Protein backbone atom coordinates (compact mmCIF):
# COMPACT_ATOMS: atom_id res chain seq x y z
CA UNK A 1 14.05 8.74 15.57
CA UNK A 2 13.46 5.01 15.16
CA UNK A 3 9.81 5.51 16.05
CA UNK A 4 9.36 8.04 13.26
CA UNK A 5 11.25 5.85 10.80
CA UNK A 6 9.12 2.79 11.51
CA UNK A 7 5.97 4.89 11.23
CA UNK A 8 7.05 6.19 7.82
CA UNK A 9 7.86 2.64 6.71
CA UNK A 10 4.46 1.44 7.88
CA UNK A 11 2.69 4.19 5.97
CA UNK A 12 4.72 3.43 2.86
CA UNK A 13 4.04 -0.31 3.03
CA UNK A 14 0.34 0.27 3.59
CA UNK A 15 0.26 2.64 0.63
CA UNK A 16 1.98 0.12 -1.66
CA UNK A 17 -0.30 -2.71 -0.53
CA UNK A 18 -3.33 -0.50 -1.09
CA UNK A 19 -2.17 0.44 -4.60
CA UNK A 20 -1.56 -3.21 -5.52
CA UNK A 21 -4.93 -4.21 -4.12
CA UNK A 22 -6.75 -1.51 -6.06
CA UNK A 23 -4.92 -2.46 -9.24
CA UNK A 24 -5.83 -6.13 -8.84
CA UNK A 25 -9.44 -5.26 -8.04
CA UNK A 26 -9.71 -2.90 -11.01
CA UNK A 27 -8.27 -5.41 -13.49
CA UNK A 28 -10.53 -8.12 -12.07
CA UNK A 29 -13.58 -5.89 -12.50
CA UNK A 30 -12.70 -4.97 -16.08
CA UNK A 31 -12.39 -8.58 -17.24
């Protein structure tokens, strides 16, 4: 149970970080 939970959390965190990174990169490119 805990293993699955931590895996889901990891995926979620990675997804959020990726989204933020892409947003920053996109806005930097458009300037």
